[in-house]
Amino acid sequence: MKTLLRLVALSVALLVSATALANGGADGHRHHDVIPLNATFGVQWTPVDWSDPEDRITETLGAAGLRNGKVIGIATRDHLNTVAGTISSDYVTLVFSDADRVYAEYENIPAGYDPATNTASFGGPLRVVGGEGLFAGATGTLRIRSRILFSLPVGTFDIDGVIKIPKQ
């Protein structure tokens, strides 16, 4: 059932594309296309390897509806260090359409783990490191905030900021 829910969420995200908004530079010439992003993703996580109680590795899939009616998807693989109180990603992929993706990462951002409620939360910079399709060469810094319930396979990712794409 979990696999089916993950596949449905990702399929919806892949089938619906988001529209990029263009923005001009200070000199009147367009140096970058600028895509503002402010979205709350409902996510489902899957434990990958919890054999080390200090390094909980999870994969997360989710989707967010945008105000313009479009849907974007997210896929991550994360390492929660429960002792150091940090989280890092192996990858973060934002899926705007089957051909249009943004790649990002975060490293050692503060993360809290509460064993009494079996929840984790974190927040910090999400660095854009590239993309495909309309997002080829993407850069920028987004901000991610999250709350994950380990007792249930659910949580939220709030992402906001600006993705920049070099002028083609």
Protein backbone atom coordinates (compact mmCIF):
# COMPACT_ATOMS: atom_id res chain seq x y z
CA MET A 1 0.00 0.00 0.00
CA LYS A 2 2.87 2.39 0.87
CA THR A 3 4.46 1.80 -2.52
CA LEU A 4 1.16 2.49 -4.29
CA LEU A 5 0.69 5.78 -2.41
CA ARG A 6 4.25 6.85 -3.24
CA LEU A 7 3.79 6.01 -6.91
CA VAL A 8 0.47 7.89 -7.11
CA ALA A 9 1.97 11.03 -5.48
CA LEU A 10 4.99 11.02 -7.78
CA SER A 11 2.89 10.26 -10.88
CA VAL A 12 0.63 13.23 -10.21
CA ALA A 13 3.67 15.46 -9.83
CA LEU A 14 5.21 14.20 -13.06
CA LEU A 15 2.09 14.68 -15.13
CA VAL A 16 1.43 18.30 -14.20
CA SER A 17 3.97 20.99 -15.05
CA ALA A 18 4.58 24.37 -13.43
CA THR A 19 5.02 27.63 -15.32
CA ALA A 20 8.24 29.63 -14.91
CA LEU A 21 8.06 33.39 -14.35
CA ALA A 22 10.66 35.60 -16.07
CA ASN A 23 12.36 38.52 -14.35
CA GLY A 24 14.73 41.18 -15.70
CA GLY A 25 18.10 42.38 -14.34
CA ALA A 26 18.97 45.86 -13.02
CA ASP A 27 20.38 46.90 -16.41
CA GLY A 28 17.13 46.00 -18.17
CA HIS A 29 18.58 42.82 -19.67
CA ARG A 30 17.42 39.43 -18.61
CA HIS A 31 20.34 37.60 -16.97
CA HIS A 32 18.24 34.91 -15.33
CA ASP A 33 14.77 33.56 -15.38
CA VAL A 34 13.62 33.77 -11.79
CA ILE A 35 11.11 31.29 -10.45
CA PRO A 36 9.74 32.11 -7.00
CA LEU A 37 8.74 29.06 -5.02
CA ASN A 38 6.57 29.00 -1.92
CA ALA A 39 5.05 25.58 -1.37
CA THR A 40 4.05 23.18 1.39
CA PHE A 41 4.62 19.57 0.45
CA GLY A 42 2.71 16.78 2.09
CA VAL A 43 5.27 13.97 2.26
CA GLN A 44 5.47 10.29 2.99
CA TRP A 45 8.79 8.96 4.21
CA THR A 46 10.24 5.48 4.19
CA PRO A 47 12.98 4.25 6.53
CA VAL A 48 15.93 3.05 4.45
CA ASP A 49 18.45 2.10 7.15
CA TRP A 50 17.89 2.63 10.86
CA SER A 51 20.45 0.06 12.04
CA ASP A 52 22.62 2.92 13.37
CA PRO A 53 20.52 4.81 15.98
CA GLU A 54 22.65 7.94 15.39
CA ASP A 55 22.10 8.00 11.59
CA ARG A 56 18.50 7.48 10.51
CA ILE A 57 18.42 7.28 6.71
CA THR A 58 15.06 7.97 5.08
CA GLU A 59 13.64 8.55 1.62
CA THR A 60 10.76 10.96 1.16
CA LEU A 61 8.25 11.50 -1.65
CA GLY A 62 5.60 14.17 -1.74
CA ALA A 63 3.67 16.73 -3.73
CA ALA A 64 2.54 20.32 -3.34
CA GLY A 65 -0.29 22.18 -5.00
CA LEU A 66 0.56 25.71 -6.12
CA ARG A 67 -1.78 28.72 -6.22
CA ASN A 68 -1.82 28.57 -10.02
CA GLY A 69 -3.34 25.07 -9.88
CA LYS A 70 -0.12 23.27 -10.83
CA VAL A 71 1.45 20.48 -8.79
CA ILE A 72 5.14 19.86 -8.14
CA GLY A 73 6.73 16.80 -6.61
CA ILE A 74 9.67 16.26 -4.28
CA ALA A 75 11.96 13.30 -3.67
CA THR A 76 14.75 13.24 -1.04
CA ARG A 77 17.16 10.90 0.69
CA ASP A 78 18.24 12.18 4.09
CA HIS A 79 20.54 11.35 7.00
CA LEU A 80 19.25 12.45 10.42
CA ASN A 81 22.07 12.48 12.98
CA THR A 82 20.08 12.14 16.20
CA VAL A 83 23.13 12.80 18.41
CA ALA A 84 24.61 15.84 16.63
CA GLY A 85 21.14 17.23 15.93
CA THR A 86 21.72 17.75 12.20
CA ILE A 87 20.32 16.52 8.92
CA SER A 88 21.96 16.25 5.49
CA SER A 89 20.62 15.13 2.14
CA ASP A 90 22.08 12.73 -0.40
CA TYR A 91 19.73 14.41 -2.90
CA VAL A 92 16.67 16.62 -3.18
CA THR A 93 14.78 16.65 -6.49
CA LEU A 94 11.91 19.03 -7.23
CA VAL A 95 9.84 17.68 -10.13
CA PHE A 96 7.95 20.31 -12.16
CA SER A 97 7.21 17.96 -15.08
CA ASP A 98 8.56 14.76 -16.56
CA ALA A 99 11.37 16.75 -18.26
CA ASP A 100 11.77 19.71 -15.87
CA ARG A 101 13.59 19.09 -12.57
CA VAL A 102 15.58 21.07 -10.02
CA TYR A 103 18.35 19.45 -7.99
CA ALA A 104 19.19 20.75 -4.52
CA GLU A 105 20.92 19.72 -1.32
CA TYR A 106 21.28 20.62 2.33
CA GLU A 107 24.11 19.78 4.66
CA ASN A 108 24.33 19.67 8.45
CA ILE A 109 21.37 21.94 9.07
CA PRO A 110 19.99 21.97 12.61
CA ALA A 111 17.50 19.18 13.27
CA GLY A 112 15.70 18.32 16.43
CA TYR A 113 14.65 14.82 17.37
CA ASP A 114 12.19 14.24 20.21
CA PRO A 115 12.23 10.60 21.34
CA ALA A 116 9.13 11.15 23.53
CA THR A 117 6.98 11.99 20.48
CA ASN A 118 9.21 10.22 17.93
CA THR A 119 9.24 13.34 15.74
CA ALA A 120 11.94 15.32 13.98
CA SER A 121 11.95 18.87 12.70
CA PHE A 122 14.52 20.89 10.85
CA GLY A 123 15.00 24.10 8.95
CA GLY A 124 17.72 25.82 7.00
CA PRO A 125 19.16 26.60 3.58
CA LEU A 126 18.41 24.38 0.59
CA ARG A 127 21.06 25.05 -2.07
CA VAL A 128 20.02 24.64 -5.73
CA VAL A 129 22.80 22.76 -7.57
CA GLY A 130 21.37 22.27 -11.07
CA GLY A 131 18.49 20.94 -13.06
CA GLU A 132 17.14 19.49 -16.30
CA GLY A 133 14.89 20.79 -19.04
CA LEU A 134 13.71 24.33 -18.33
CA PHE A 135 15.88 24.26 -15.20
CA ALA A 136 19.24 23.41 -16.82
CA GLY A 137 21.98 25.33 -14.99
CA ALA A 138 19.66 26.34 -12.14
CA THR A 139 21.14 28.01 -9.04
CA GLY A 140 19.77 29.70 -5.97
CA THR A 141 19.10 29.23 -2.30
CA LEU A 142 15.75 28.15 -1.00
CA ARG A 143 14.75 27.66 2.61
CA ILE A 144 13.33 24.36 3.85
CA ARG A 145 11.40 23.72 7.04
CA SER A 146 10.09 20.31 7.97
CA ARG A 147 8.29 18.27 10.58
CA ILE A 148 8.29 14.49 10.33
CA LEU A 149 6.29 12.02 12.39
CA PHE A 150 8.30 8.79 12.68
CA SER A 151 5.37 6.88 14.24
CA LEU A 152 3.39 7.56 11.06
CA PRO A 153 5.02 7.75 7.64
CA VAL A 154 4.02 11.40 7.08
CA GLY A 155 5.20 14.96 7.44
CA THR A 156 5.51 18.31 5.72
CA PHE A 157 8.23 20.20 3.88
CA ASP A 158 7.79 23.97 3.52
CA ILE A 159 10.06 25.38 0.80
CA ASP A 160 10.35 29.01 -0.22
CA GLY A 161 12.82 31.17 -2.10
CA VAL A 162 13.92 31.77 -5.67
CA ILE A 163 15.30 29.45 -8.33
CA LYS A 164 17.47 31.19 -10.95
CA ILE A 165 17.98 29.84 -14.46
CA PRO A 166 20.73 31.28 -16.70
CA LYS A 167 19.50 33.23 -19.72
CA GLN A 168 19.57 30.92 -22.72
